[in-house]
All heavy atoms as atom14 arrays in JSON, in Angstrom:
{
  "sequence": "NTDAEGRLVLGDALQRASEEGPALILDFATLTGAARVALGPDYPALMA",
  "atom14_mask": [
    [1, 1, 1, 1, 1, 1, 1, 1, 0, 0, 0, 0, 0, 0],
    [1, 1, 1, 1, 1, 1, 1, 0, 0, 0, 0, 0, 0, 0],
    [1, 1, 1, 1, 1, 1, 1, 1, 0, 0, 0, 0, 0, 0],
    [1, 1, 1, 1, 1, 0, 0, 0, 0, 0, 0, 0, 0, 0],
    [1, 1, 1, 1, 1, 1, 1, 1, 1, 0, 0, 0, 0, 0],
    [1, 1, 1, 1, 0, 0, 0, 0, 0, 0, 0, 0, 0, 0],
    [1, 1, 1, 1, 1, 1, 1, 1, 1, 1, 1, 0, 0, 0],
    [1, 1, 1, 1, 1, 1, 1, 1, 0, 0, 0, 0, 0, 0],
    [1, 1, 1, 1, 1, 1, 1, 0, 0, 0, 0, 0, 0, 0],
    [1, 1, 1, 1, 1, 1, 1, 1, 0, 0, 0, 0, 0, 0],
    [1, 1, 1, 1, 0, 0, 0, 0, 0, 0, 0, 0, 0, 0],
    [1, 1, 1, 1, 1, 1, 1, 1, 0, 0, 0, 0, 0, 0],
    [1, 1, 1, 1, 1, 0, 0, 0, 0, 0, 0, 0, 0, 0],
    [1, 1, 1, 1, 1, 1, 1, 1, 0, 0, 0, 0, 0, 0],
    [1, 1, 1, 1, 1, 1, 1, 1, 1, 0, 0, 0, 0, 0],
    [1, 1, 1, 1, 1, 1, 1, 1, 1, 1, 1, 0, 0, 0],
    [1, 1, 1, 1, 1, 0, 0, 0, 0, 0, 0, 0, 0, 0],
    [1, 1, 1, 1, 1, 1, 0, 0, 0, 0, 0, 0, 0, 0],
    [1, 1, 1, 1, 1, 1, 1, 1, 1, 0, 0, 0, 0, 0],
    [1, 1, 1, 1, 1, 1, 1, 1, 1, 0, 0, 0, 0, 0],
    [1, 1, 1, 1, 0, 0, 0, 0, 0, 0, 0, 0, 0, 0],
    [1, 1, 1, 1, 1, 1, 1, 0, 0, 0, 0, 0, 0, 0],
    [1, 1, 1, 1, 1, 0, 0, 0, 0, 0, 0, 0, 0, 0],
    [1, 1, 1, 1, 1, 1, 1, 1, 0, 0, 0, 0, 0, 0],
    [1, 1, 1, 1, 1, 1, 1, 1, 0, 0, 0, 0, 0, 0],
    [1, 1, 1, 1, 1, 1, 1, 1, 0, 0, 0, 0, 0, 0],
    [1, 1, 1, 1, 1, 1, 1, 1, 0, 0, 0, 0, 0, 0],
    [1, 1, 1, 1, 1, 1, 1, 1, 1, 1, 1, 0, 0, 0],
    [1, 1, 1, 1, 1, 0, 0, 0, 0, 0, 0, 0, 0, 0],
    [1, 1, 1, 1, 1, 1, 1, 0, 0, 0, 0, 0, 0, 0],
    [1, 1, 1, 1, 1, 1, 1, 1, 0, 0, 0, 0, 0, 0],
    [1, 1, 1, 1, 1, 1, 1, 0, 0, 0, 0, 0, 0, 0],
    [1, 1, 1, 1, 0, 0, 0, 0, 0, 0, 0, 0, 0, 0],
    [1, 1, 1, 1, 1, 0, 0, 0, 0, 0, 0, 0, 0, 0],
    [1, 1, 1, 1, 1, 0, 0, 0, 0, 0, 0, 0, 0, 0],
    [1, 1, 1, 1, 1, 1, 1, 1, 1, 1, 1, 0, 0, 0],
    [1, 1, 1, 1, 1, 1, 1, 0, 0, 0, 0, 0, 0, 0],
    [1, 1, 1, 1, 1, 0, 0, 0, 0, 0, 0, 0, 0, 0],
    [1, 1, 1, 1, 1, 1, 1, 1, 0, 0, 0, 0, 0, 0],
    [1, 1, 1, 1, 0, 0, 0, 0, 0, 0, 0, 0, 0, 0],
    [1, 1, 1, 1, 1, 1, 1, 0, 0, 0, 0, 0, 0, 0],
    [1, 1, 1, 1, 1, 1, 1, 1, 0, 0, 0, 0, 0, 0],
    [1, 1, 1, 1, 1, 1, 1, 1, 1, 1, 1, 1, 0, 0],
    [1, 1, 1, 1, 1, 1, 1, 0, 0, 0, 0, 0, 0, 0],
    [1, 1, 1, 1, 1, 0, 0, 0, 0, 0, 0, 0, 0, 0],
    [1, 1, 1, 1, 1, 1, 1, 1, 0, 0, 0, 0, 0, 0],
    [1, 1, 1, 1, 1, 1, 1, 1, 0, 0, 0, 0, 0, 0],
    [1, 1, 1, 1, 1, 0, 0, 0, 0, 0, 0, 0, 0, 0]
  ],
  "atom14_positions": [
    [[0.86, -1.19, 0.0], [0.0, 0.0, 0.0], [0.89, 1.23, 0.0], [1.72, 1.4, 0.9], [-0.91, 0.0, 1.24], [-2.02, 1.02, 1.15], [-1.82, 2.14, 0.68], [-3.21, 0.64, 1.62], [0.0, 0.0, 0.0], [0.0, 0.0, 0.0], [0.0, 0.0, 0.0], [0.0, 0.0, 0.0], [0.0, 0.0, 0.0], [0.0, 0.0, 0.0]],
    [[0.71, 2.1, -0.99], [1.53, 3.32, -1.04], [1.14, 4.32, 0.03], [1.86, 5.29, 0.27], [1.43, 4.0, -2.42], [0.08, 4.42, -2.65], [1.86, 3.06, -3.53], [0.0, 0.0, 0.0], [0.0, 0.0, 0.0], [0.0, 0.0, 0.0], [0.0, 0.0, 0.0], [0.0, 0.0, 0.0], [0.0, 0.0, 0.0], [0.0, 0.0, 0.0]],
    [[-0.01, 4.12, 0.66], [-0.43, 5.0, 1.74], [0.17, 4.59, 3.08], [-0.05, 5.26, 4.08], [-1.97, 5.02, 1.83], [-2.49, 6.2, 2.64], [-1.75, 7.19, 2.78], [-3.63, 6.13, 3.14], [0.0, 0.0, 0.0], [0.0, 0.0, 0.0], [0.0, 0.0, 0.0], [0.0, 0.0, 0.0], [0.0, 0.0, 0.0], [0.0, 0.0, 0.0]],
    [[0.95, 3.54, 3.1], [1.71, 3.15, 4.28], [3.16, 3.59, 4.07], [4.1, 2.81, 4.16], [1.62, 1.65, 4.53], [0.0, 0.0, 0.0], [0.0, 0.0, 0.0], [0.0, 0.0, 0.0], [0.0, 0.0, 0.0], [0.0, 0.0, 0.0], [0.0, 0.0, 0.0], [0.0, 0.0, 0.0], [0.0, 0.0, 0.0], [0.0, 0.0, 0.0]],
    [[3.29, 4.89, 3.75], [4.6, 5.44, 3.35], [5.42, 5.92, 4.52], [6.65, 5.95, 4.45], [4.4, 6.58, 2.34], [4.12, 7.95, 2.93], [2.86, 8.04, 3.78], [1.88, 7.32, 3.49], [2.85, 8.82, 4.75], [0.0, 0.0, 0.0], [0.0, 0.0, 0.0], [0.0, 0.0, 0.0], [0.0, 0.0, 0.0], [0.0, 0.0, 0.0]],
    [[4.77, 6.32, 5.61], [5.51, 6.86, 6.75], [6.49, 5.86, 7.31], [7.62, 6.2, 7.69], [0.0, 0.0, 0.0], [0.0, 0.0, 0.0], [0.0, 0.0, 0.0], [0.0, 0.0, 0.0], [0.0, 0.0, 0.0], [0.0, 0.0, 0.0], [0.0, 0.0, 0.0], [0.0, 0.0, 0.0], [0.0, 0.0, 0.0], [0.0, 0.0, 0.0]],
    [[6.06, 4.61, 7.38], [6.95, 3.57, 7.92], [8.14, 3.32, 7.0], [9.2, 2.88, 7.46], [6.15, 2.29, 8.17], [5.59, 1.64, 6.94], [4.49, 0.63, 7.23], [3.28, 1.3, 7.72], [2.16, 0.63, 8.06], [2.14, -0.69, 7.97], [1.1, 1.29, 8.47], [0.0, 0.0, 0.0], [0.0, 0.0, 0.0], [0.0, 0.0, 0.0]],
    [[7.99, 3.61, 5.71], [9.11, 3.44, 4.79], [10.2, 4.46, 5.05], [11.38, 4.12, 5.18], [8.62, 3.54, 3.34], [7.59, 2.5, 2.89], [7.06, 2.84, 1.5], [8.19, 1.1, 2.9], [0.0, 0.0, 0.0], [0.0, 0.0, 0.0], [0.0, 0.0, 0.0], [0.0, 0.0, 0.0], [0.0, 0.0, 0.0], [0.0, 0.0, 0.0]],
    [[9.81, 5.73, 5.13], [10.83, 6.77, 5.35], [11.43, 6.63, 6.75], [12.64, 6.88, 6.94], [10.25, 8.18, 5.12], [9.73, 8.31, 3.7], [9.18, 8.55, 6.12], [0.0, 0.0, 0.0], [0.0, 0.0, 0.0], [0.0, 0.0, 0.0], [0.0, 0.0, 0.0], [0.0, 0.0, 0.0], [0.0, 0.0, 0.0], [0.0, 0.0, 0.0]],
    [[10.62, 6.22, 7.72], [11.17, 6.0, 9.06], [12.12, 4.82, 9.08], [13.11, 4.82, 9.83], [10.04, 5.76, 10.06], [9.25, 6.98, 10.52], [8.05, 6.55, 11.35], [10.13, 7.92, 11.34], [0.0, 0.0, 0.0], [0.0, 0.0, 0.0], [0.0, 0.0, 0.0], [0.0, 0.0, 0.0], [0.0, 0.0, 0.0], [0.0, 0.0, 0.0]],
    [[11.84, 3.81, 8.27], [12.72, 2.64, 8.25], [14.15, 3.0, 7.91], [15.1, 2.59, 8.59], [0.0, 0.0, 0.0], [0.0, 0.0, 0.0], [0.0, 0.0, 0.0], [0.0, 0.0, 0.0], [0.0, 0.0, 0.0], [0.0, 0.0, 0.0], [0.0, 0.0, 0.0], [0.0, 0.0, 0.0], [0.0, 0.0, 0.0], [0.0, 0.0, 0.0]],
    [[14.34, 3.79, 6.84], [15.7, 4.21, 6.49], [16.31, 5.09, 7.58], [17.51, 4.97, 7.89], [15.68, 4.99, 5.17], [15.77, 4.08, 3.95], [16.01, 2.86, 4.12], [15.6, 4.58, 2.82], [0.0, 0.0, 0.0], [0.0, 0.0, 0.0], [0.0, 0.0, 0.0], [0.0, 0.0, 0.0], [0.0, 0.0, 0.0], [0.0, 0.0, 0.0]],
    [[15.52, 5.98, 8.17], [16.05, 6.86, 9.21], [16.4, 6.09, 10.48], [17.41, 6.38, 11.14], [15.04, 7.97, 9.52], [0.0, 0.0, 0.0], [0.0, 0.0, 0.0], [0.0, 0.0, 0.0], [0.0, 0.0, 0.0], [0.0, 0.0, 0.0], [0.0, 0.0, 0.0], [0.0, 0.0, 0.0], [0.0, 0.0, 0.0], [0.0, 0.0, 0.0]],
    [[15.58, 5.12, 10.85], [15.86, 4.31, 12.03], [17.11, 3.47, 11.84], [17.9, 3.26, 12.77], [14.66, 3.43, 12.37], [13.45, 4.16, 12.95], [12.23, 3.24, 12.97], [13.75, 4.67, 14.36], [0.0, 0.0, 0.0], [0.0, 0.0, 0.0], [0.0, 0.0, 0.0], [0.0, 0.0, 0.0], [0.0, 0.0, 0.0], [0.0, 0.0, 0.0]],
    [[17.29, 2.96, 10.63], [18.52, 2.23, 10.34], [19.74, 3.12, 10.5], [20.73, 2.73, 11.13], [18.48, 1.65, 8.93], [19.81, 1.14, 8.39], [20.41, 0.02, 9.23], [19.69, -0.74, 9.87], [21.74, -0.08, 9.23], [0.0, 0.0, 0.0], [0.0, 0.0, 0.0], [0.0, 0.0, 0.0], [0.0, 0.0, 0.0], [0.0, 0.0, 0.0]],
    [[19.66, 4.36, 9.99], [20.78, 5.29, 10.14], [21.04, 5.6, 11.61], [22.2, 5.66, 12.05], [20.5, 6.58, 9.36], [21.59, 7.63, 9.51], [22.91, 7.17, 8.95], [23.99, 8.11, 9.21], [24.75, 8.11, 10.31], [24.53, 7.19, 11.26], [25.71, 8.99, 10.45], [0.0, 0.0, 0.0], [0.0, 0.0, 0.0], [0.0, 0.0, 0.0]],
    [[19.98, 5.8, 12.37], [20.14, 6.07, 13.79], [20.8, 4.89, 14.5], [21.64, 5.07, 15.39], [18.79, 6.38, 14.42], [0.0, 0.0, 0.0], [0.0, 0.0, 0.0], [0.0, 0.0, 0.0], [0.0, 0.0, 0.0], [0.0, 0.0, 0.0], [0.0, 0.0, 0.0], [0.0, 0.0, 0.0], [0.0, 0.0, 0.0], [0.0, 0.0, 0.0]],
    [[20.43, 3.68, 14.1], [20.98, 2.48, 14.74], [22.47, 2.34, 14.52], [23.19, 1.76, 15.35], [20.25, 1.24, 14.21], [18.87, 1.28, 14.52], [0.0, 0.0, 0.0], [0.0, 0.0, 0.0], [0.0, 0.0, 0.0], [0.0, 0.0, 0.0], [0.0, 0.0, 0.0], [0.0, 0.0, 0.0], [0.0, 0.0, 0.0], [0.0, 0.0, 0.0]],
    [[22.95, 2.86, 13.41], [24.38, 2.73, 13.08], [25.28, 3.47, 14.06], [26.48, 3.2, 14.12], [24.61, 3.24, 11.65], [23.97, 2.36, 10.59], [23.89, 3.02, 9.22], [24.55, 4.07, 9.03], [23.17, 2.5, 8.35], [0.0, 0.0, 0.0], [0.0, 0.0, 0.0], [0.0, 0.0, 0.0], [0.0, 0.0, 0.0], [0.0, 0.0, 0.0]],
    [[24.71, 4.39, 14.84], [25.5, 5.11, 15.84], [25.65, 4.34, 17.14], [26.37, 4.77, 18.04], [24.85, 6.47, 16.13], [24.77, 7.39, 14.93], [26.15, 7.8, 14.44], [27.08, 7.92, 15.27], [26.3, 8.02, 13.22], [0.0, 0.0, 0.0], [0.0, 0.0, 0.0], [0.0, 0.0, 0.0], [0.0, 0.0, 0.0], [0.0, 0.0, 0.0]],
    [[24.93, 3.22, 17.28], [24.96, 2.47, 18.54], [24.37, 3.25, 19.69], [24.99, 3.36, 20.76], [0.0, 0.0, 0.0], [0.0, 0.0, 0.0], [0.0, 0.0, 0.0], [0.0, 0.0, 0.0], [0.0, 0.0, 0.0], [0.0, 0.0, 0.0], [0.0, 0.0, 0.0], [0.0, 0.0, 0.0], [0.0, 0.0, 0.0], [0.0, 0.0, 0.0]],
    [[23.17, 3.82, 19.53], [22.63, 4.72, 20.56], [22.21, 3.99, 21.83], [21.86, 2.81, 21.81], [21.41, 5.33, 19.86], [20.98, 4.28, 18.89], [22.25, 3.65, 18.4], [0.0, 0.0, 0.0], [0.0, 0.0, 0.0], [0.0, 0.0, 0.0], [0.0, 0.0, 0.0], [0.0, 0.0, 0.0], [0.0, 0.0, 0.0], [0.0, 0.0, 0.0]],
    [[22.24, 4.74, 22.93], [21.69, 4.23, 24.18], [20.18, 4.17, 24.12], [19.55, 3.35, 24.8], [22.14, 5.12, 25.35], [0.0, 0.0, 0.0], [0.0, 0.0, 0.0], [0.0, 0.0, 0.0], [0.0, 0.0, 0.0], [0.0, 0.0, 0.0], [0.0, 0.0, 0.0], [0.0, 0.0, 0.0], [0.0, 0.0, 0.0], [0.0, 0.0, 0.0]],
    [[19.58, 5.03, 23.3], [18.12, 5.09, 23.19], [17.74, 5.73, 21.86], [18.37, 6.7, 21.44], [17.54, 5.92, 24.34], [16.03, 6.2, 24.33], [15.25, 4.89, 24.52], [15.65, 7.21, 25.4], [0.0, 0.0, 0.0], [0.0, 0.0, 0.0], [0.0, 0.0, 0.0], [0.0, 0.0, 0.0], [0.0, 0.0, 0.0], [0.0, 0.0, 0.0]],
    [[16.72, 5.17, 21.22], [16.08, 5.8, 20.07], [14.63, 6.07, 20.44], [13.91, 5.18, 20.92], [16.1, 4.9, 18.81], [17.53, 4.61, 18.36], [15.33, 5.56, 17.67], [17.62, 3.67, 17.15], [0.0, 0.0, 0.0], [0.0, 0.0, 0.0], [0.0, 0.0, 0.0], [0.0, 0.0, 0.0], [0.0, 0.0, 0.0], [0.0, 0.0, 0.0]],
    [[14.21, 7.31, 20.22], [12.79, 7.68, 20.32], [12.34, 8.14, 18.94], [13.02, 8.94, 18.3], [12.58, 8.83, 21.3], [12.82, 8.58, 22.79], [12.56, 9.87, 23.57], [11.93, 7.47, 23.31], [0.0, 0.0, 0.0], [0.0, 0.0, 0.0], [0.0, 0.0, 0.0], [0.0, 0.0, 0.0], [0.0, 0.0, 0.0], [0.0, 0.0, 0.0]],
    [[11.21, 7.61, 18.48], [10.66, 8.15, 17.23], [9.22, 8.58, 17.43], [8.5, 8.05, 18.27], [10.8, 7.14, 16.08], [9.69, 6.12, 16.0], [8.56, 6.49, 15.64], [9.95, 4.94, 16.29], [0.0, 0.0, 0.0], [0.0, 0.0, 0.0], [0.0, 0.0, 0.0], [0.0, 0.0, 0.0], [0.0, 0.0, 0.0], [0.0, 0.0, 0.0]],
    [[8.84, 9.6, 16.67], [7.49, 10.16, 16.69], [6.94, 10.13, 15.27], [7.62, 10.52, 14.33], [7.49, 11.6, 17.19], [7.88, 11.77, 18.62], [9.22, 11.81, 18.99], [6.92, 11.89, 19.61], [9.59, 11.97, 20.31], [7.27, 12.05, 20.94], [8.61, 12.1, 21.3], [0.0, 0.0, 0.0], [0.0, 0.0, 0.0], [0.0, 0.0, 0.0]],
    [[5.68, 9.7, 15.15], [5.08, 9.63, 13.82], [3.56, 9.68, 13.92], [2.97, 9.08, 14.81], [5.51, 8.34, 13.1], [0.0, 0.0, 0.0], [0.0, 0.0, 0.0], [0.0, 0.0, 0.0], [0.0, 0.0, 0.0], [0.0, 0.0, 0.0], [0.0, 0.0, 0.0], [0.0, 0.0, 0.0], [0.0, 0.0, 0.0], [0.0, 0.0, 0.0]],
    [[2.96, 10.4, 12.99], [1.51, 10.31, 12.79], [1.31, 9.11, 11.87], [1.08, 9.27, 10.68], [0.97, 11.6, 12.14], [1.74, 11.87, 10.96], [1.1, 12.78, 13.09], [0.0, 0.0, 0.0], [0.0, 0.0, 0.0], [0.0, 0.0, 0.0], [0.0, 0.0, 0.0], [0.0, 0.0, 0.0], [0.0, 0.0, 0.0], [0.0, 0.0, 0.0]],
    [[1.38, 7.91, 12.44], [1.61, 6.74, 11.6], [0.35, 6.02, 11.17], [0.22, 5.65, 10.01], [2.55, 5.76, 12.33], [3.31, 4.82, 11.4], [4.21, 5.6, 10.46], [4.13, 3.81, 12.18], [0.0, 0.0, 0.0], [0.0, 0.0, 0.0], [0.0, 0.0, 0.0], [0.0, 0.0, 0.0], [0.0, 0.0, 0.0], [0.0, 0.0, 0.0]],
    [[-0.62, 5.8, 12.09], [-1.76, 4.97, 11.72], [-3.08, 5.54, 12.23], [-3.15, 6.06, 13.36], [-1.63, 3.54, 12.29], [-1.7, 3.57, 13.72], [-0.32, 2.9, 11.85], [0.0, 0.0, 0.0], [0.0, 0.0, 0.0], [0.0, 0.0, 0.0], [0.0, 0.0, 0.0], [0.0, 0.0, 0.0], [0.0, 0.0, 0.0], [0.0, 0.0, 0.0]],
    [[-4.1, 5.41, 11.42], [-5.45, 5.69, 11.9], [-5.9, 4.67, 12.93], [-6.75, 4.96, 13.77], [0.0, 0.0, 0.0], [0.0, 0.0, 0.0], [0.0, 0.0, 0.0], [0.0, 0.0, 0.0], [0.0, 0.0, 0.0], [0.0, 0.0, 0.0], [0.0, 0.0, 0.0], [0.0, 0.0, 0.0], [0.0, 0.0, 0.0], [0.0, 0.0, 0.0]],
    [[-5.3, 3.48, 12.89], [-5.67, 2.43, 13.84], [-5.39, 2.85, 15.28], [-6.15, 2.51, 16.19], [-4.92, 1.15, 13.51], [0.0, 0.0, 0.0], [0.0, 0.0, 0.0], [0.0, 0.0, 0.0], [0.0, 0.0, 0.0], [0.0, 0.0, 0.0], [0.0, 0.0, 0.0], [0.0, 0.0, 0.0], [0.0, 0.0, 0.0], [0.0, 0.0, 0.0]],
    [[-4.33, 3.6, 15.49], [-4.03, 4.07, 16.85], [-5.11, 5.02, 17.34], [-5.47, 5.03, 18.52], [-2.67, 4.76, 16.87], [0.0, 0.0, 0.0], [0.0, 0.0, 0.0], [0.0, 0.0, 0.0], [0.0, 0.0, 0.0], [0.0, 0.0, 0.0], [0.0, 0.0, 0.0], [0.0, 0.0, 0.0], [0.0, 0.0, 0.0], [0.0, 0.0, 0.0]],
    [[-5.64, 5.84, 16.44], [-6.7, 6.77, 16.83], [-8.01, 6.04, 17.08], [-8.77, 6.4, 17.98], [-6.9, 7.83, 15.75], [-5.64, 8.56, 15.34], [-5.16, 9.55, 16.39], [-4.67, 8.99, 17.63], [-3.46, 8.44, 17.79], [-2.64, 8.33, 16.8], [-3.09, 7.98, 18.98], [0.0, 0.0, 0.0], [0.0, 0.0, 0.0], [0.0, 0.0, 0.0]],
    [[-8.3, 5.02, 16.3], [-9.5, 4.22, 16.54], [-9.41, 3.57, 17.92], [-10.39, 3.52, 18.66], [-9.68, 3.17, 15.44], [-10.8, 2.2, 15.79], [-9.96, 3.84, 14.1], [0.0, 0.0, 0.0], [0.0, 0.0, 0.0], [0.0, 0.0, 0.0], [0.0, 0.0, 0.0], [0.0, 0.0, 0.0], [0.0, 0.0, 0.0], [0.0, 0.0, 0.0]],
    [[-8.24, 3.08, 18.26], [-8.07, 2.4, 19.54], [-8.07, 3.35, 20.73], [-8.67, 3.05, 21.77], [-6.75, 1.61, 19.53], [0.0, 0.0, 0.0], [0.0, 0.0, 0.0], [0.0, 0.0, 0.0], [0.0, 0.0, 0.0], [0.0, 0.0, 0.0], [0.0, 0.0, 0.0], [0.0, 0.0, 0.0], [0.0, 0.0, 0.0], [0.0, 0.0, 0.0]],
    [[-7.43, 4.51, 20.6], [-7.15, 5.36, 21.76], [-7.75, 6.76, 21.66], [-7.68, 7.51, 22.64], [-5.63, 5.48, 21.96], [-4.87, 4.17, 22.16], [-3.38, 4.45, 22.25], [-5.35, 3.44, 23.4], [0.0, 0.0, 0.0], [0.0, 0.0, 0.0], [0.0, 0.0, 0.0], [0.0, 0.0, 0.0], [0.0, 0.0, 0.0], [0.0, 0.0, 0.0]],
    [[-8.31, 7.14, 20.51], [-8.78, 8.5, 20.36], [-7.63, 9.47, 20.23], [-6.46, 9.08, 20.17], [0.0, 0.0, 0.0], [0.0, 0.0, 0.0], [0.0, 0.0, 0.0], [0.0, 0.0, 0.0], [0.0, 0.0, 0.0], [0.0, 0.0, 0.0], [0.0, 0.0, 0.0], [0.0, 0.0, 0.0], [0.0, 0.0, 0.0], [0.0, 0.0, 0.0]],
    [[-7.92, 10.78, 20.19], [-6.87, 11.76, 19.93], [-5.96, 12.05, 21.11], [-4.81, 12.46, 20.93], [-7.66, 13.01, 19.53], [-8.97, 12.86, 20.24], [-9.27, 11.39, 20.24], [0.0, 0.0, 0.0], [0.0, 0.0, 0.0], [0.0, 0.0, 0.0], [0.0, 0.0, 0.0], [0.0, 0.0, 0.0], [0.0, 0.0, 0.0], [0.0, 0.0, 0.0]],
    [[-6.44, 11.87, 22.36], [-5.71, 12.39, 23.52], [-4.58, 11.51, 24.0], [-3.69, 11.99, 24.72], [-6.67, 12.62, 24.68], [-7.54, 13.85, 24.49], [-7.27, 14.6, 23.53], [-8.46, 14.07, 25.29], [0.0, 0.0, 0.0], [0.0, 0.0, 0.0], [0.0, 0.0, 0.0], [0.0, 0.0, 0.0], [0.0, 0.0, 0.0], [0.0, 0.0, 0.0]],
    [[-4.58, 10.22, 23.65], [-3.56, 9.31, 24.15], [-2.67, 8.85, 23.01], [-3.09, 8.08, 22.14], [-4.2, 8.08, 24.81], [-4.91, 8.39, 26.1], [-6.26, 8.7, 26.1], [-4.23, 8.38, 27.31], [-6.93, 9.0, 27.28], [-4.9, 8.67, 28.5], [-6.24, 8.98, 28.47], [-6.9, 9.26, 29.64], [0.0, 0.0, 0.0], [0.0, 0.0, 0.0]],
    [[-1.42, 9.3, 22.97], [-0.51, 8.78, 21.95], [-0.2, 7.32, 22.21], [0.06, 6.93, 23.37], [0.74, 9.66, 22.1], [0.69, 10.16, 23.51], [-0.76, 10.28, 23.87], [0.0, 0.0, 0.0], [0.0, 0.0, 0.0], [0.0, 0.0, 0.0], [0.0, 0.0, 0.0], [0.0, 0.0, 0.0], [0.0, 0.0, 0.0], [0.0, 0.0, 0.0]],
    [[-0.25, 6.52, 21.17], [0.11, 5.11, 21.3], [1.62, 5.01, 21.48], [2.39, 5.65, 20.78], [-0.34, 4.33, 20.08], [0.0, 0.0, 0.0], [0.0, 0.0, 0.0], [0.0, 0.0, 0.0], [0.0, 0.0, 0.0], [0.0, 0.0, 0.0], [0.0, 0.0, 0.0], [0.0, 0.0, 0.0], [0.0, 0.0, 0.0], [0.0, 0.0, 0.0]],
    [[2.03, 4.21, 22.43], [3.45, 4.0, 22.74], [3.78, 2.53, 22.55], [3.08, 1.65, 23.07], [3.73, 4.41, 24.19], [5.1, 4.0, 24.76], [6.24, 4.72, 24.05], [5.15, 4.26, 26.26], [0.0, 0.0, 0.0], [0.0, 0.0, 0.0], [0.0, 0.0, 0.0], [0.0, 0.0, 0.0], [0.0, 0.0, 0.0], [0.0, 0.0, 0.0]],
    [[4.81, 2.25, 21.79], [5.34, 0.9, 21.67], [6.81, 0.95, 22.03], [7.51, 1.89, 21.66], [5.14, 0.37, 20.26], [3.72, -0.13, 20.0], [3.24, -0.1, 18.26], [2.41, 1.49, 18.18], [0.0, 0.0, 0.0], [0.0, 0.0, 0.0], [0.0, 0.0, 0.0], [0.0, 0.0, 0.0], [0.0, 0.0, 0.0], [0.0, 0.0, 0.0]],
    [[7.28, -0.04, 22.77], [8.66, -0.01, 23.24], [9.18, -1.43, 23.39], [8.43, -2.36, 23.71], [8.75, 0.72, 24.58], [0.0, 0.0, 0.0], [0.0, 0.0, 0.0], [0.0, 0.0, 0.0], [0.0, 0.0, 0.0], [0.0, 0.0, 0.0], [0.0, 0.0, 0.0], [0.0, 0.0, 0.0], [0.0, 0.0, 0.0], [0.0, 0.0, 0.0]]
  ]
}
């Protein structure tokens, strides 16, 4: 699906971030409508 494009651009950026051997990576994205269906607008979905 070409509308699942955010994860594509993040994929390359996350790979670049990983190459530094970071202690922590945090990413932010308006990624899915599914998160809003599950949680509404006020609660950002967190995965870790």
